[in-house]
Amino acid sequence: MALVDRLSKEKRSDLMRAVKSKKSLIENSVTHELWKRGLRFRRNVKNLKGKPDIAIKKDKIGLAEQDQFKLLPTHEPRP
């Protein structure tokens, strides 16, 4: 069953353009808590597989935010 978009192509484009991909409220909350606990990290790491929102390179951990944070399955440099 195909999903039908109720918005016109122009309206959908305007809405998607307004979506911010960096520094969301949940991302700021998580990074603040990580920093308070002494964990050092990098945000929006583009050279890792999956482009994690938060990466703790020392421990080889990547976190991605999509409604909630999830641990990425791999932490390898992108080809």
C-alpha atoms as a PDB file:
ATOM      1  CA  MET A   1       0.000   0.000   0.000  1.00  0.00           C
ATOM      2  CA  ALA A   2       1.519   3.309  -1.063  1.00  0.00           C
ATOM      3  CA  LEU A   3       1.409   6.287   1.265  1.00  0.00           C
ATOM      4  CA  VAL A   4      -0.187   9.398  -0.155  1.00  0.00           C
ATOM      5  CA  ASP A   5       1.365  12.738   0.765  1.00  0.00           C
ATOM      6  CA  ARG A   6      -1.308  15.234   1.769  1.00  0.00           C
ATOM      7  CA  LEU A   7       0.965  18.204   1.118  1.00  0.00           C
ATOM      8  CA  SER A   8       1.971  19.678  -2.191  1.00  0.00           C
ATOM      9  CA  LYS A   9       5.529  19.174  -3.379  1.00  0.00           C
ATOM     10  CA  GLU A  10       6.397  22.822  -2.633  1.00  0.00           C
ATOM     11  CA  LYS A  11       4.902  22.726   0.885  1.00  0.00           C
ATOM     12  CA  ARG A  12       6.690  19.446   1.688  1.00  0.00           C
ATOM     13  CA  SER A  13       9.954  20.986   0.454  1.00  0.00           C
ATOM     14  CA  ASP A  14       9.454  24.037   2.700  1.00  0.00           C
ATOM     15  CA  LEU A  15       8.735  21.843   5.731  1.00  0.00           C
ATOM     16  CA  MET A  16      11.748  19.603   5.153  1.00  0.00           C
ATOM     17  CA  ARG A  17      14.004  22.632   4.644  1.00  0.00           C
ATOM     18  CA  ALA A  18      12.990  23.888   8.107  1.00  0.00           C
ATOM     19  CA  VAL A  19      14.064  20.641   9.822  1.00  0.00           C
ATOM     20  CA  LYS A  20      17.309  21.176  11.701  1.00  0.00           C
ATOM     21  CA  SER A  21      19.720  18.256  11.735  1.00  0.00           C
ATOM     22  CA  LYS A  22      22.102  19.537  14.394  1.00  0.00           C
ATOM     23  CA  LYS A  23      21.872  20.588  18.026  1.00  0.00           C
ATOM     24  CA  SER A  24      18.351  19.448  18.784  1.00  0.00           C
ATOM     25  CA  LEU A  25      16.983  19.641  22.313  1.00  0.00           C
ATOM     26  CA  ILE A  26      17.490  15.931  22.991  1.00  0.00           C
ATOM     27  CA  GLU A  27      21.015  16.019  21.527  1.00  0.00           C
ATOM     28  CA  ASN A  28      21.944  19.005  23.713  1.00  0.00           C
ATOM     29  CA  SER A  29      20.550  17.292  26.827  1.00  0.00           C
ATOM     30  CA  VAL A  30      22.472  14.080  26.200  1.00  0.00           C
ATOM     31  CA  THR A  31      25.749  15.824  25.360  1.00  0.00           C
ATOM     32  CA  HIS A  32      25.454  18.058  28.439  1.00  0.00           C
ATOM     33  CA  GLU A  33      25.045  15.004  30.670  1.00  0.00           C
ATOM     34  CA  LEU A  34      27.929  13.164  28.974  1.00  0.00           C
ATOM     35  CA  TRP A  35      30.197  16.178  29.477  1.00  0.00           C
ATOM     36  CA  LYS A  36      29.191  16.479  33.167  1.00  0.00           C
ATOM     37  CA  ARG A  37      30.133  12.820  33.665  1.00  0.00           C
ATOM     38  CA  GLY A  38      33.561  13.366  32.139  1.00  0.00           C
ATOM     39  CA  LEU A  39      32.963  11.636  28.812  1.00  0.00           C
ATOM     40  CA  ARG A  40      34.521  13.464  25.891  1.00  0.00           C
ATOM     41  CA  PHE A  41      32.893  13.138  22.485  1.00  0.00           C
ATOM     42  CA  ARG A  42      32.540  14.623  19.027  1.00  0.00           C
ATOM     43  CA  ARG A  43      29.274  15.778  17.442  1.00  0.00           C
ATOM     44  CA  ASN A  44      28.082  15.004  13.907  1.00  0.00           C
ATOM     45  CA  VAL A  45      31.095  12.960  12.834  1.00  0.00           C
ATOM     46  CA  LYS A  46      30.943  12.709   9.051  1.00  0.00           C
ATOM     47  CA  ASN A  47      33.822  10.304   8.477  1.00  0.00           C
ATOM     48  CA  LEU A  48      32.237   7.449  10.471  1.00  0.00           C
ATOM     49  CA  LYS A  49      29.783   4.941   9.076  1.00  0.00           C
ATOM     50  CA  GLY A  50      26.217   6.105   9.677  1.00  0.00           C
ATOM     51  CA  LYS A  51      27.280   9.706  10.467  1.00  0.00           C
ATOM     52  CA  PRO A  52      26.536   9.455  14.202  1.00  0.00           C
ATOM     53  CA  ASP A  53      25.229  12.522  16.022  1.00  0.00           C
ATOM     54  CA  ILE A  54      27.594  11.802  18.913  1.00  0.00           C
ATOM     55  CA  ALA A  55      30.779   9.724  18.753  1.00  0.00           C
ATOM     56  CA  ILE A  56      33.032   8.694  21.619  1.00  0.00           C
ATOM     57  CA  LYS A  57      36.050   7.688  19.568  1.00  0.00           C
ATOM     58  CA  LYS A  58      38.136   6.455  22.499  1.00  0.00           C
ATOM     59  CA  ASP A  59      35.550   3.790  23.335  1.00  0.00           C
ATOM     60  CA  LYS A  60      34.448   3.310  19.706  1.00  0.00           C
ATOM     61  CA  ILE A  61      30.825   4.244  20.386  1.00  0.00           C
ATOM     62  CA  GLY A  62      28.480   6.042  18.024  1.00  0.00           C
ATOM     63  CA  LEU A  63      25.045   7.393  18.958  1.00  0.00           C
ATOM     64  CA  ALA A  64      22.341   8.405  16.497  1.00  0.00           C
ATOM     65  CA  GLU A  65      19.226  10.368  17.395  1.00  0.00           C
ATOM     66  CA  GLN A  66      15.922   9.488  15.751  1.00  0.00           C
ATOM     67  CA  ASP A  67      13.055  10.170  18.279  1.00  0.00           C
ATOM     68  CA  GLN A  68      15.422   8.472  20.726  1.00  0.00           C
ATOM     69  CA  PHE A  69      19.109   7.664  20.819  1.00  0.00           C
ATOM     70  CA  LYS A  70      20.316   4.306  19.613  1.00  0.00           C
ATOM     71  CA  LEU A  71      23.730   2.727  19.559  1.00  0.00           C
ATOM     72  CA  LEU A  72      25.068   2.309  16.049  1.00  0.00           C
ATOM     73  CA  PRO A  73      26.128  -1.237  15.163  1.00  0.00           C
ATOM     74  CA  THR A  74      29.590  -0.316  13.910  1.00  0.00           C
ATOM     75  CA  HIS A  75      32.080   2.414  14.531  1.00  0.00           C
ATOM     76  CA  GLU A  76      34.322   2.298  11.472  1.00  0.00           C
ATOM     77  CA  PRO A  77      35.593   5.009   9.165  1.00  0.00           C
ATOM     78  CA  ARG A  78      33.492   5.421   6.032  1.00  0.00           C
ATOM     79  CA  PRO A  79      35.046   4.218   2.779  1.00  0.00           C
END
